[in-house]
Amino acid sequence: MSHHLPKTQGSSGYHGHHLPVAGSKEEPLYAIGARFETPEALVQAVDHLRDQGVSLYECFTPYPVHGLAESMRLPKSVLSLLVLGGGISAVLIALSMELIPSCLIYPLVVDGKPLNLSALPQYIPIIVALTIMIGAVTAVVGMILLGGMPRWNNPMFAWDLFAKDASRGFFLAVEARDRKFSASALTELLHELGAGDITAIHEEASEGK
């Protein structure tokens, strides 16, 4: 199967004359959305889009799909490095909170315990607890920020089918600002790849208008 998606000048002004429309027609086109019945069909569609040079798209699945990240060529997440940094910071903070008062500010000998690193075992419980706490907080906050949240709204929610069925379907949205975007060619390609409910998704009208 061979398709070409030529760049269409002014394609962002497309108003979905032959497609169902979600959102406000008065607002710019955000994306062409499509629903697939199986995760395998979604992965296949992503592979075809990548072959055509399409790069600005998003996939929405109710659970992790094996092979989808590789097909989308997503880079490795830096979340693990952030958690590692949080853990190392926690160890340093805990040691500072324990050693500085015990050895420098108030050097009191209790039950003959030494005032140096040879007494490190007594500090381990606090180090472990603080490392777990800061590592967990770093993981949650990092996941939220790296995921682009908080975000008040996503134009995809203007699509009623997506808003109601996102927890069960496998959705793909190709953004109109992609340099290879062509509404007609993209619609034909998605249809031949087995996509259903292909829809032109527009931004929602603001309340001030």
N, C-alpha and C. Protein backbone atom coordinates (compact mmCIF):
# COMPACT_ATOMS: atom_id res chain seq x y z
N MET A 1 0.84 -1.19 0.00
CA MET A 1 0.00 0.00 0.00
C MET A 1 0.88 1.24 0.00
N SER A 2 0.64 2.13 -0.93
CA SER A 2 1.48 3.32 -1.01
C SER A 2 0.59 4.55 -1.09
N HIS A 3 0.81 5.47 -0.18
CA HIS A 3 0.06 6.73 -0.15
C HIS A 3 1.04 7.86 0.05
N HIS A 4 0.68 8.99 -0.46
CA HIS A 4 1.50 10.18 -0.27
C HIS A 4 0.64 11.26 0.35
N LEU A 5 1.19 11.95 1.31
CA LEU A 5 0.47 13.02 1.99
C LEU A 5 1.15 14.33 1.69
N PRO A 6 0.85 14.95 0.55
CA PRO A 6 1.51 16.21 0.20
C PRO A 6 1.09 17.32 1.14
N LYS A 7 2.02 18.23 1.32
CA LYS A 7 1.71 19.39 2.16
C LYS A 7 0.70 20.26 1.44
N THR A 8 -0.35 20.64 2.15
CA THR A 8 -1.41 21.44 1.56
C THR A 8 -1.36 22.83 2.16
N GLN A 9 -1.17 23.81 1.33
CA GLN A 9 -1.13 25.18 1.81
C GLN A 9 -2.51 25.56 2.35
N GLY A 10 -2.48 26.16 3.55
CA GLY A 10 -3.73 26.60 4.12
C GLY A 10 -4.59 25.47 4.64
N SER A 11 -4.03 24.27 4.83
CA SER A 11 -4.84 23.14 5.26
C SER A 11 -5.39 23.33 6.65
N SER A 12 -4.75 24.20 7.46
CA SER A 12 -5.26 24.41 8.81
C SER A 12 -6.60 25.11 8.81
N GLY A 13 -7.01 25.63 7.66
CA GLY A 13 -8.32 26.25 7.58
C GLY A 13 -9.40 25.31 7.12
N TYR A 14 -9.08 24.03 6.96
CA TYR A 14 -10.04 23.03 6.53
C TYR A 14 -11.15 22.89 7.56
N HIS A 15 -12.40 22.85 7.11
CA HIS A 15 -13.52 22.81 8.04
C HIS A 15 -14.29 21.49 7.97
N GLY A 16 -13.67 20.43 7.43
CA GLY A 16 -14.27 19.11 7.49
C GLY A 16 -15.60 19.00 6.76
N HIS A 17 -15.66 19.46 5.49
CA HIS A 17 -16.91 19.47 4.75
C HIS A 17 -17.44 18.05 4.51
N HIS A 18 -16.57 17.06 4.42
CA HIS A 18 -17.02 15.70 4.15
C HIS A 18 -16.74 14.77 5.32
N LEU A 19 -16.48 15.35 6.48
CA LEU A 19 -16.23 14.56 7.69
C LEU A 19 -17.11 15.08 8.82
N PRO A 20 -17.48 14.20 9.76
CA PRO A 20 -18.13 14.70 10.97
C PRO A 20 -17.21 15.70 11.67
N VAL A 21 -17.80 16.69 12.27
CA VAL A 21 -17.02 17.75 12.89
C VAL A 21 -17.26 17.75 14.39
N ALA A 22 -16.17 17.85 15.15
CA ALA A 22 -16.25 18.01 16.60
C ALA A 22 -15.68 19.37 16.95
N GLY A 23 -16.25 20.01 17.96
CA GLY A 23 -15.80 21.35 18.30
C GLY A 23 -16.55 22.40 17.50
N SER A 24 -15.97 23.58 17.44
CA SER A 24 -16.61 24.70 16.76
C SER A 24 -15.99 24.91 15.38
N LYS A 25 -16.83 24.96 14.36
CA LYS A 25 -16.35 25.22 13.01
C LYS A 25 -15.74 26.61 12.87
N GLU A 26 -16.09 27.48 13.79
CA GLU A 26 -15.55 28.84 13.75
C GLU A 26 -14.10 28.89 14.24
N GLU A 27 -13.66 27.83 14.90
CA GLU A 27 -12.30 27.78 15.44
C GLU A 27 -11.39 26.99 14.50
N PRO A 28 -10.07 27.17 14.59
CA PRO A 28 -9.13 26.46 13.71
C PRO A 28 -9.22 24.95 13.90
N LEU A 29 -8.91 24.23 12.84
CA LEU A 29 -8.86 22.77 12.90
C LEU A 29 -7.67 22.35 13.75
N TYR A 30 -7.93 21.46 14.71
CA TYR A 30 -6.86 20.97 15.57
C TYR A 30 -6.24 19.69 15.02
N ALA A 31 -7.08 18.75 14.61
CA ALA A 31 -6.55 17.46 14.18
C ALA A 31 -7.62 16.67 13.44
N ILE A 32 -7.18 15.63 12.74
CA ILE A 32 -8.08 14.61 12.22
C ILE A 32 -7.97 13.42 13.16
N GLY A 33 -9.07 13.04 13.77
CA GLY A 33 -9.07 11.94 14.73
C GLY A 33 -9.69 10.69 14.13
N ALA A 34 -9.25 9.54 14.61
CA ALA A 34 -9.79 8.27 14.13
C ALA A 34 -9.75 7.25 15.27
N ARG A 35 -10.66 6.30 15.20
CA ARG A 35 -10.75 5.25 16.21
C ARG A 35 -10.45 3.90 15.56
N PHE A 36 -9.63 3.10 16.23
CA PHE A 36 -9.31 1.76 15.75
C PHE A 36 -9.86 0.73 16.73
N GLU A 37 -10.22 -0.42 16.20
CA GLU A 37 -10.84 -1.45 17.02
C GLU A 37 -9.83 -2.25 17.83
N THR A 38 -8.61 -2.37 17.33
CA THR A 38 -7.61 -3.19 18.01
C THR A 38 -6.30 -2.43 18.16
N PRO A 39 -5.49 -2.79 19.16
CA PRO A 39 -4.19 -2.13 19.30
C PRO A 39 -3.26 -2.43 18.13
N GLU A 40 -3.39 -3.62 17.54
CA GLU A 40 -2.54 -3.96 16.38
C GLU A 40 -2.82 -3.04 15.20
N ALA A 41 -4.09 -2.70 15.00
CA ALA A 41 -4.44 -1.79 13.90
C ALA A 41 -3.88 -0.40 14.16
N LEU A 42 -3.88 0.02 15.41
CA LEU A 42 -3.33 1.33 15.75
C LEU A 42 -1.83 1.37 15.50
N VAL A 43 -1.12 0.34 15.92
CA VAL A 43 0.33 0.27 15.70
C VAL A 43 0.64 0.28 14.21
N GLN A 44 -0.14 -0.48 13.43
CA GLN A 44 0.07 -0.51 11.97
C GLN A 44 -0.15 0.87 11.36
N ALA A 45 -1.18 1.58 11.84
CA ALA A 45 -1.46 2.91 11.31
C ALA A 45 -0.31 3.87 11.63
N VAL A 46 0.23 3.78 12.83
CA VAL A 46 1.36 4.63 13.21
C VAL A 46 2.56 4.35 12.32
N ASP A 47 2.82 3.08 12.04
CA ASP A 47 3.93 2.72 11.16
C ASP A 47 3.76 3.35 9.78
N HIS A 48 2.55 3.32 9.23
CA HIS A 48 2.30 3.90 7.91
C HIS A 48 2.46 5.42 7.94
N LEU A 49 1.98 6.05 8.99
CA LEU A 49 2.12 7.50 9.09
C LEU A 49 3.58 7.91 9.20
N ARG A 50 4.36 7.16 9.98
CA ARG A 50 5.79 7.45 10.09
C ARG A 50 6.48 7.29 8.74
N ASP A 51 6.08 6.28 7.98
CA ASP A 51 6.67 6.08 6.65
C ASP A 51 6.37 7.25 5.73
N GLN A 52 5.24 7.92 5.95
CA GLN A 52 4.86 9.06 5.11
C GLN A 52 5.44 10.37 5.63
N GLY A 53 6.19 10.32 6.73
CA GLY A 53 6.82 11.53 7.24
C GLY A 53 5.97 12.33 8.20
N VAL A 54 4.83 11.79 8.62
CA VAL A 54 3.98 12.48 9.58
C VAL A 54 4.60 12.35 10.96
N SER A 55 4.72 13.45 11.67
CA SER A 55 5.39 13.41 12.98
C SER A 55 4.55 14.00 14.11
N LEU A 56 3.59 14.87 13.81
CA LEU A 56 2.79 15.50 14.86
C LEU A 56 1.47 14.76 15.02
N TYR A 57 1.46 13.78 15.88
CA TYR A 57 0.26 12.99 16.13
C TYR A 57 0.31 12.47 17.56
N GLU A 58 -0.84 12.07 18.06
CA GLU A 58 -0.94 11.52 19.41
C GLU A 58 -1.76 10.24 19.36
N CYS A 59 -1.40 9.29 20.24
CA CYS A 59 -2.16 8.06 20.37
C CYS A 59 -2.76 8.00 21.77
N PHE A 60 -3.99 7.51 21.85
CA PHE A 60 -4.68 7.41 23.13
C PHE A 60 -5.19 5.98 23.29
N THR A 61 -4.69 5.28 24.29
CA THR A 61 -5.08 3.89 24.51
C THR A 61 -5.49 3.69 25.97
N PRO A 62 -6.39 2.74 26.24
CA PRO A 62 -6.83 2.52 27.62
C PRO A 62 -5.81 1.79 28.48
N TYR A 63 -4.79 1.22 27.85
CA TYR A 63 -3.72 0.54 28.57
C TYR A 63 -2.47 0.55 27.70
N PRO A 64 -1.30 0.32 28.28
CA PRO A 64 -0.07 0.32 27.48
C PRO A 64 -0.13 -0.73 26.37
N VAL A 65 0.23 -0.33 25.17
CA VAL A 65 0.20 -1.23 24.01
C VAL A 65 1.63 -1.61 23.63
N HIS A 66 1.91 -2.89 23.62
CA HIS A 66 3.25 -3.37 23.30
C HIS A 66 3.63 -2.98 21.87
N GLY A 67 4.78 -2.35 21.72
CA GLY A 67 5.29 -1.98 20.41
C GLY A 67 4.88 -0.60 19.95
N LEU A 68 3.93 0.03 20.64
CA LEU A 68 3.46 1.35 20.19
C LEU A 68 4.53 2.41 20.39
N ALA A 69 5.20 2.39 21.53
CA ALA A 69 6.26 3.38 21.78
C ALA A 69 7.37 3.28 20.75
N GLU A 70 7.72 2.03 20.37
CA GLU A 70 8.77 1.84 19.36
C GLU A 70 8.30 2.36 18.00
N SER A 71 7.03 2.11 17.65
CA SER A 71 6.51 2.60 16.38
C SER A 71 6.47 4.13 16.34
N MET A 72 6.16 4.74 17.49
CA MET A 72 6.12 6.20 17.56
C MET A 72 7.51 6.81 17.72
N ARG A 73 8.50 5.95 17.97
CA ARG A 73 9.89 6.38 18.17
C ARG A 73 9.99 7.39 19.30
N LEU A 74 9.33 7.06 20.39
CA LEU A 74 9.38 7.93 21.56
C LEU A 74 10.74 7.79 22.25
N PRO A 75 11.33 8.88 22.67
CA PRO A 75 12.62 8.79 23.38
C PRO A 75 12.42 8.22 24.78
N LYS A 76 13.48 7.69 25.34
CA LYS A 76 13.41 7.15 26.69
C LYS A 76 13.10 8.27 27.67
N SER A 77 12.21 7.98 28.58
CA SER A 77 11.81 8.98 29.57
C SER A 77 12.96 9.30 30.52
N VAL A 78 13.03 10.58 30.92
CA VAL A 78 14.04 11.01 31.89
C VAL A 78 13.53 10.88 33.32
N LEU A 79 12.34 10.29 33.48
CA LEU A 79 11.76 10.19 34.81
C LEU A 79 12.66 9.39 35.76
N SER A 80 13.28 8.32 35.26
CA SER A 80 14.14 7.52 36.13
C SER A 80 15.33 8.34 36.64
N LEU A 81 15.86 9.22 35.79
CA LEU A 81 16.97 10.07 36.23
C LEU A 81 16.50 11.09 37.28
N LEU A 82 15.28 11.59 37.12
CA LEU A 82 14.75 12.52 38.11
C LEU A 82 14.57 11.83 39.46
N VAL A 83 14.07 10.59 39.43
CA VAL A 83 13.89 9.86 40.68
C VAL A 83 15.25 9.56 41.33
N LEU A 84 16.23 9.20 40.49
CA LEU A 84 17.58 8.97 41.02
C LEU A 84 18.12 10.23 41.67
N GLY A 85 17.95 11.37 41.02
CA GLY A 85 18.39 12.63 41.60
C GLY A 85 17.69 12.93 42.91
N GLY A 86 16.37 12.65 42.96
CA GLY A 86 15.64 12.85 44.20
C GLY A 86 16.14 11.95 45.31
N GLY A 87 16.48 10.69 44.98
CA GLY A 87 17.00 9.77 45.98
C GLY A 87 18.36 10.19 46.52
N ILE A 88 19.23 10.62 45.62
CA ILE A 88 20.56 11.08 46.05
C ILE A 88 20.43 12.33 46.91
N SER A 89 19.55 13.24 46.52
CA SER A 89 19.33 14.45 47.32
C SER A 89 18.81 14.09 48.70
N ALA A 90 17.93 13.09 48.77
CA ALA A 90 17.38 12.67 50.05
C ALA A 90 18.47 12.13 50.97
N VAL A 91 19.38 11.34 50.42
CA VAL A 91 20.48 10.80 51.23
C VAL A 91 21.34 11.92 51.79
N LEU A 92 21.67 12.90 50.94
CA LEU A 92 22.50 14.01 51.39
C LEU A 92 21.78 14.86 52.44
N ILE A 93 20.49 15.08 52.23
CA ILE A 93 19.72 15.86 53.20
C ILE A 93 19.67 15.14 54.55
N ALA A 94 19.40 13.83 54.50
CA ALA A 94 19.29 13.07 55.74
C ALA A 94 20.62 13.06 56.50
N LEU A 95 21.71 12.82 55.78
CA LEU A 95 23.01 12.82 56.45
C LEU A 95 23.34 14.18 57.04
N SER A 96 23.00 15.24 56.31
CA SER A 96 23.26 16.58 56.82
C SER A 96 22.45 16.86 58.08
N MET A 97 21.18 16.44 58.08
CA MET A 97 20.32 16.68 59.23
C MET A 97 20.78 15.89 60.46
N GLU A 98 21.44 14.76 60.22
CA GLU A 98 21.85 13.91 61.35
C GLU A 98 23.29 14.18 61.80
N LEU A 99 24.21 14.29 60.85
CA LEU A 99 25.62 14.41 61.21
C LEU A 99 25.98 15.81 61.70
N ILE A 100 25.43 16.85 61.07
CA ILE A 100 25.79 18.21 61.47
C ILE A 100 25.39 18.49 62.92
N PRO A 101 24.16 18.23 63.31
CA PRO A 101 23.83 18.47 64.74
C PRO A 101 24.59 17.54 65.69
N SER A 102 24.72 16.25 65.30
CA SER A 102 25.31 15.27 66.22
C SER A 102 26.82 15.43 66.36
N CYS A 103 27.49 15.81 65.30
CA CYS A 103 28.95 15.84 65.32
C CYS A 103 29.53 17.25 65.45
N LEU A 104 28.78 18.28 65.02
CA LEU A 104 29.33 19.63 65.02
C LEU A 104 28.64 20.57 65.99
N ILE A 105 27.32 20.61 65.94
CA ILE A 105 26.60 21.59 66.77
C ILE A 105 26.47 21.10 68.22
N TYR A 106 25.98 19.87 68.38
CA TYR A 106 25.82 19.30 69.72
C TYR A 106 26.54 17.95 69.80
N PRO A 107 27.85 17.96 69.88
CA PRO A 107 28.60 16.69 69.89
C PRO A 107 28.49 15.95 71.23
N LEU A 108 27.34 15.34 71.47
CA LEU A 108 27.11 14.62 72.71
C LEU A 108 27.33 13.12 72.51
N VAL A 109 28.10 12.51 73.36
CA VAL A 109 28.33 11.07 73.31
C VAL A 109 27.22 10.38 74.10
N VAL A 110 26.46 9.52 73.41
CA VAL A 110 25.35 8.80 74.03
C VAL A 110 25.67 7.31 74.00
N ASP A 111 25.74 6.69 75.17
CA ASP A 111 26.03 5.26 75.27
C ASP A 111 27.33 4.89 74.56
N GLY A 112 28.27 5.81 74.56
CA GLY A 112 29.56 5.51 73.98
C GLY A 112 29.60 5.47 72.47
N LYS A 113 28.55 5.93 71.81
CA LYS A 113 28.53 5.91 70.34
C LYS A 113 29.47 6.98 69.80
N PRO A 114 30.25 6.63 68.77
CA PRO A 114 31.23 7.58 68.23
C PRO A 114 30.55 8.74 67.51
N LEU A 115 31.29 9.83 67.39
CA LEU A 115 30.77 11.03 66.71
C LEU A 115 31.36 11.16 65.31
N ASN A 116 31.32 10.09 64.54
CA ASN A 116 31.82 10.13 63.17
C ASN A 116 31.05 9.12 62.33
N LEU A 117 31.50 8.90 61.09
CA LEU A 117 30.77 8.03 60.18
C LEU A 117 30.78 6.56 60.60
N SER A 118 31.62 6.21 61.57
CA SER A 118 31.58 4.82 62.04
C SER A 118 30.27 4.50 62.76
N ALA A 119 29.52 5.55 63.12
CA ALA A 119 28.20 5.36 63.73
C ALA A 119 27.08 5.42 62.69
N LEU A 120 27.44 5.26 61.43
CA LEU A 120 26.47 5.40 60.34
C LEU A 120 25.26 4.48 60.47
N PRO A 121 25.40 3.23 60.94
CA PRO A 121 24.21 2.35 61.01
C PRO A 121 23.03 2.94 61.77
N GLN A 122 23.28 3.77 62.78
CA GLN A 122 22.16 4.33 63.53
C GLN A 122 21.39 5.37 62.72
N TYR A 123 22.00 5.87 61.65
CA TYR A 123 21.33 6.87 60.83
C TYR A 123 20.56 6.26 59.66
N ILE A 124 20.75 4.98 59.40
CA ILE A 124 20.17 4.35 58.21
C ILE A 124 18.65 4.42 58.18
N PRO A 125 17.92 4.15 59.27
CA PRO A 125 16.44 4.21 59.18
C PRO A 125 15.91 5.55 58.66
N ILE A 126 16.47 6.65 59.16
CA ILE A 126 16.00 7.96 58.69
C ILE A 126 16.39 8.17 57.22
N ILE A 127 17.58 7.73 56.84
CA ILE A 127 18.01 7.87 55.43
C ILE A 127 17.07 7.12 54.51
N VAL A 128 16.74 5.86 54.88
CA VAL A 128 15.86 5.05 54.05
C VAL A 128 14.47 5.68 53.94
N ALA A 129 13.92 6.13 55.06
CA ALA A 129 12.58 6.70 55.05
C ALA A 129 12.52 7.96 54.20
N LEU A 130 13.51 8.84 54.35
CA LEU A 130 13.50 10.09 53.59
C LEU A 130 13.74 9.84 52.10
N THR A 131 14.58 8.85 51.79
CA THR A 131 14.84 8.52 50.38
C THR A 131 13.57 8.01 49.70
N ILE A 132 12.84 7.14 50.38
CA ILE A 132 11.59 6.62 49.82
C ILE A 132 10.58 7.75 49.62
N MET A 133 10.47 8.63 50.61
CA MET A 133 9.48 9.71 50.54
C MET A 133 9.80 10.68 49.40
N ILE A 134 11.04 11.18 49.35
CA ILE A 134 11.40 12.15 48.32
C ILE A 134 11.41 11.50 46.94
N GLY A 135 11.86 10.25 46.86
CA GLY A 135 11.83 9.55 45.57
C GLY A 135 10.42 9.39 45.05
N ALA A 136 9.46 9.06 45.93
CA ALA A 136 8.07 8.90 45.51
C ALA A 136 7.47 10.23 45.07
N VAL A 137 7.74 11.28 45.83
CA VAL A 137 7.22 12.61 45.46
C VAL A 137 7.80 13.06 44.12
N THR A 138 9.10 12.82 43.92
CA THR A 138 9.73 13.18 42.65
C THR A 138 9.12 12.42 41.49
N ALA A 139 8.82 11.14 41.70
CA ALA A 139 8.23 10.32 40.64
C ALA A 139 6.85 10.84 40.25
N VAL A 140 6.03 11.15 41.24
CA VAL A 140 4.67 11.61 40.95
C VAL A 140 4.68 12.98 40.29
N VAL A 141 5.43 13.92 40.86
CA VAL A 141 5.48 15.27 40.29
C VAL A 141 6.12 15.25 38.91
N GLY A 142 7.19 14.47 38.75
CA GLY A 142 7.84 14.37 37.44
C GLY A 142 6.92 13.78 36.39
N MET A 143 6.16 12.76 36.75
CA MET A 143 5.21 12.15 35.81
C MET A 143 4.15 13.16 35.37
N ILE A 144 3.67 13.95 36.31
CA ILE A 144 2.64 14.94 35.99
C ILE A 144 3.20 16.01 35.05
N LEU A 145 4.38 16.55 35.37
CA LEU A 145 4.95 17.63 34.55
C LEU A 145 5.39 17.13 33.19
N LEU A 146 6.03 15.96 33.12
CA LEU A 146 6.47 15.41 31.84
C LEU A 146 5.30 15.03 30.95
N GLY A 147 4.15 14.76 31.57
CA GLY A 147 2.95 14.44 30.81
C GLY A 147 2.20 15.66 30.31
N GLY A 148 2.77 16.84 30.53
CA GLY A 148 2.13 18.06 30.04
C GLY A 148 0.99 18.55 30.91
N MET A 149 0.92 18.07 32.12
CA MET A 149 -0.12 18.51 33.04
C MET A 149 0.46 19.49 34.05
N PRO A 150 -0.34 20.30 34.69
CA PRO A 150 -1.80 20.36 34.53
C PRO A 150 -2.21 21.08 33.24
N ARG A 151 -3.24 20.58 32.62
CA ARG A 151 -3.77 21.17 31.40
C ARG A 151 -5.27 21.29 31.57
N TRP A 152 -5.77 22.50 31.41
CA TRP A 152 -7.18 22.73 31.69
C TRP A 152 -8.09 22.01 30.71
N ASN A 153 -7.65 21.88 29.47
CA ASN A 153 -8.52 21.24 28.49
C ASN A 153 -7.68 20.72 27.33
N ASN A 154 -8.19 19.69 26.68
CA ASN A 154 -7.57 19.16 25.47
C ASN A 154 -8.62 19.19 24.37
N PRO A 155 -8.29 19.72 23.19
CA PRO A 155 -9.30 19.77 22.11
C PRO A 155 -9.94 18.43 21.80
N MET A 156 -9.26 17.32 22.13
CA MET A 156 -9.82 16.00 21.86
C MET A 156 -11.14 15.79 22.60
N PHE A 157 -11.34 16.45 23.73
CA PHE A 157 -12.56 16.25 24.49
C PHE A 157 -13.76 16.93 23.84
N ALA A 158 -13.53 17.72 22.80
CA ALA A 158 -14.65 18.25 22.03
C ALA A 158 -15.30 17.15 21.18
N TRP A 159 -14.57 16.04 21.02
CA TRP A 159 -15.07 14.89 20.27
C TRP A 159 -15.83 13.99 21.25
N ASP A 160 -17.14 13.95 21.12
CA ASP A 160 -17.97 13.22 22.08
C ASP A 160 -17.60 11.75 22.17
N LEU A 161 -17.31 11.13 21.04
CA LEU A 161 -16.95 9.71 21.05
C LEU A 161 -15.70 9.48 21.89
N PHE A 162 -14.71 10.34 21.74
CA PHE A 162 -13.48 10.20 22.52
C PHE A 162 -13.76 10.43 24.00
N ALA A 163 -14.53 11.46 24.31
CA ALA A 163 -14.81 11.78 25.70
C ALA A 163 -15.55 10.64 26.40
N LYS A 164 -16.39 9.91 25.67
CA LYS A 164 -17.19 8.85 26.28
C LYS A 164 -16.52 7.48 26.21
N ASP A 165 -15.67 7.26 25.21
CA ASP A 165 -15.16 5.91 24.96
C ASP A 165 -13.64 5.81 25.04
N ALA A 166 -12.97 6.82 25.60
CA ALA A 166 -11.50 6.82 25.62
C ALA A 166 -10.95 5.67 26.45
N SER A 167 -11.73 5.16 27.39
CA SER A 167 -11.24 4.08 28.25
C SER A 167 -11.36 2.71 27.59
N ARG A 168 -11.95 2.66 26.39
CA ARG A 168 -12.12 1.37 25.71
C ARG A 168 -11.56 1.34 24.29
N GLY A 169 -11.51 2.50 23.62
CA GLY A 169 -11.07 2.52 22.24
C GLY A 169 -9.60 2.84 22.09
N PHE A 170 -9.13 2.73 20.84
CA PHE A 170 -7.74 3.04 20.50
C PHE A 170 -7.78 4.17 19.48
N PHE A 171 -7.37 5.37 19.93
CA PHE A 171 -7.57 6.57 19.15
C PHE A 171 -6.25 7.14 18.64
N LEU A 172 -6.35 7.77 17.48
CA LEU A 172 -5.21 8.43 16.85
C LEU A 172 -5.65 9.82 16.40
N ALA A 173 -4.82 10.82 16.65
CA ALA A 173 -5.12 12.18 16.21
C ALA A 173 -3.90 12.76 15.53
N VAL A 174 -4.04 13.14 14.26
CA VAL A 174 -2.96 13.76 13.49
C VAL A 174 -3.21 15.26 13.48
N GLU A 175 -2.27 16.02 14.01
CA GLU A 175 -2.47 17.45 14.17
C GLU A 175 -2.38 18.19 12.83
N ALA A 176 -3.21 19.22 12.70
CA ALA A 176 -3.28 19.98 11.45
C ALA A 176 -2.02 20.77 11.17
N ARG A 177 -1.22 21.05 12.20
CA ARG A 177 0.00 21.84 11.98
C ARG A 177 1.17 20.99 11.49
N ASP A 178 0.95 19.70 11.31
CA ASP A 178 2.02 18.86 10.75
C ASP A 178 2.31 19.30 9.32
N ARG A 179 3.59 19.34 8.97
CA ARG A 179 3.98 19.84 7.64
C ARG A 179 3.50 18.94 6.51
N LYS A 180 3.17 17.69 6.81
CA LYS A 180 2.67 16.75 5.79
C LYS A 180 1.15 16.65 5.80
N PHE A 181 0.48 17.50 6.59
CA PHE A 181 -0.96 17.36 6.76
C PHE A 181 -1.70 17.67 5.47
N SER A 182 -2.56 16.73 5.07
CA SER A 182 -3.49 16.92 3.97
C SER A 182 -4.77 16.20 4.36
N ALA A 183 -5.82 16.94 4.60
CA ALA A 183 -7.04 16.36 5.14
C ALA A 183 -7.60 15.25 4.26
N SER A 184 -7.67 15.48 2.96
CA SER A 184 -8.26 14.49 2.06
C SER A 184 -7.40 13.23 1.98
N ALA A 185 -6.08 13.40 1.78
CA ALA A 185 -5.21 12.22 1.67
C ALA A 185 -5.15 11.47 2.99
N LEU A 186 -5.14 12.19 4.10
CA LEU A 186 -5.07 11.55 5.40
C LEU A 186 -6.35 10.77 5.69
N THR A 187 -7.48 11.35 5.34
CA THR A 187 -8.76 10.66 5.54
C THR A 187 -8.80 9.36 4.75
N GLU A 188 -8.35 9.41 3.50
CA GLU A 188 -8.33 8.21 2.67
C GLU A 188 -7.40 7.14 3.25
N LEU A 189 -6.23 7.57 3.69
CA LEU A 189 -5.27 6.63 4.25
C LEU A 189 -5.81 5.98 5.52
N LEU A 190 -6.38 6.77 6.42
CA LEU A 190 -6.91 6.22 7.66
C LEU A 190 -8.06 5.25 7.38
N HIS A 191 -8.88 5.59 6.41
CA HIS A 191 -9.99 4.70 6.05
C HIS A 191 -9.46 3.35 5.55
N GLU A 192 -8.44 3.37 4.71
CA GLU A 192 -7.90 2.12 4.17
C GLU A 192 -7.13 1.33 5.22
N LEU A 193 -6.69 2.01 6.27
CA LEU A 193 -6.00 1.31 7.36
C LEU A 193 -6.98 0.72 8.37
N GLY A 194 -8.26 0.88 8.11
CA GLY A 194 -9.26 0.27 8.96
C GLY A 194 -9.79 1.16 10.06
N ALA A 195 -9.51 2.46 10.00
CA ALA A 195 -9.99 3.37 11.03
C ALA A 195 -11.48 3.61 10.88
N GLY A 196 -12.13 3.82 11.99
CA GLY A 196 -13.54 4.17 11.97
C GLY A 196 -13.76 5.50 12.66
N ASP A 197 -14.93 6.07 12.47
CA ASP A 197 -15.30 7.32 13.14
C ASP A 197 -14.28 8.43 12.90
N ILE A 198 -13.82 8.56 11.67
CA ILE A 198 -12.85 9.61 11.33
C ILE A 198 -13.55 10.96 11.44
N THR A 199 -12.94 11.86 12.19
CA THR A 199 -13.61 13.12 12.53
C THR A 199 -12.64 14.29 12.46
N ALA A 200 -13.13 15.42 11.97
CA ALA A 200 -12.36 16.66 11.99
C ALA A 200 -12.59 17.33 13.33
N ILE A 201 -11.52 17.49 14.10
CA ILE A 201 -11.61 18.01 15.47
C ILE A 201 -11.13 19.46 15.49
N HIS A 202 -12.04 20.35 15.85
CA HIS A 202 -11.71 21.77 15.94
C HIS A 202 -11.55 22.17 17.41
N GLU A 203 -10.88 23.29 17.61
CA GLU A 203 -10.83 23.87 18.94
C GLU A 203 -12.25 24.24 19.37
N GLU A 204 -12.49 24.21 20.67
CA GLU A 204 -13.79 24.63 21.17
C GLU A 204 -13.84 26.15 21.27
N ALA A 205 -15.01 26.71 21.02
CA ALA A 205 -15.19 28.15 21.09
C ALA A 205 -15.02 28.62 22.54
N SER A 206 -14.32 29.72 22.72
CA SER A 206 -14.15 30.27 24.06
C SER A 206 -15.44 30.94 24.50
N GLU A 207 -15.63 31.01 25.82
CA GLU A 207 -16.88 31.58 26.34
C GLU A 207 -17.02 33.06 26.05
N GLY A 208 -15.90 33.73 25.79
CA GLY A 208 -15.95 35.16 25.56
C GLY A 208 -16.46 35.53 24.18
N LYS A 209 -16.56 34.51 23.30
CA LYS A 209 -17.02 34.82 21.93
C LYS A 209 -18.53 34.71 21.84
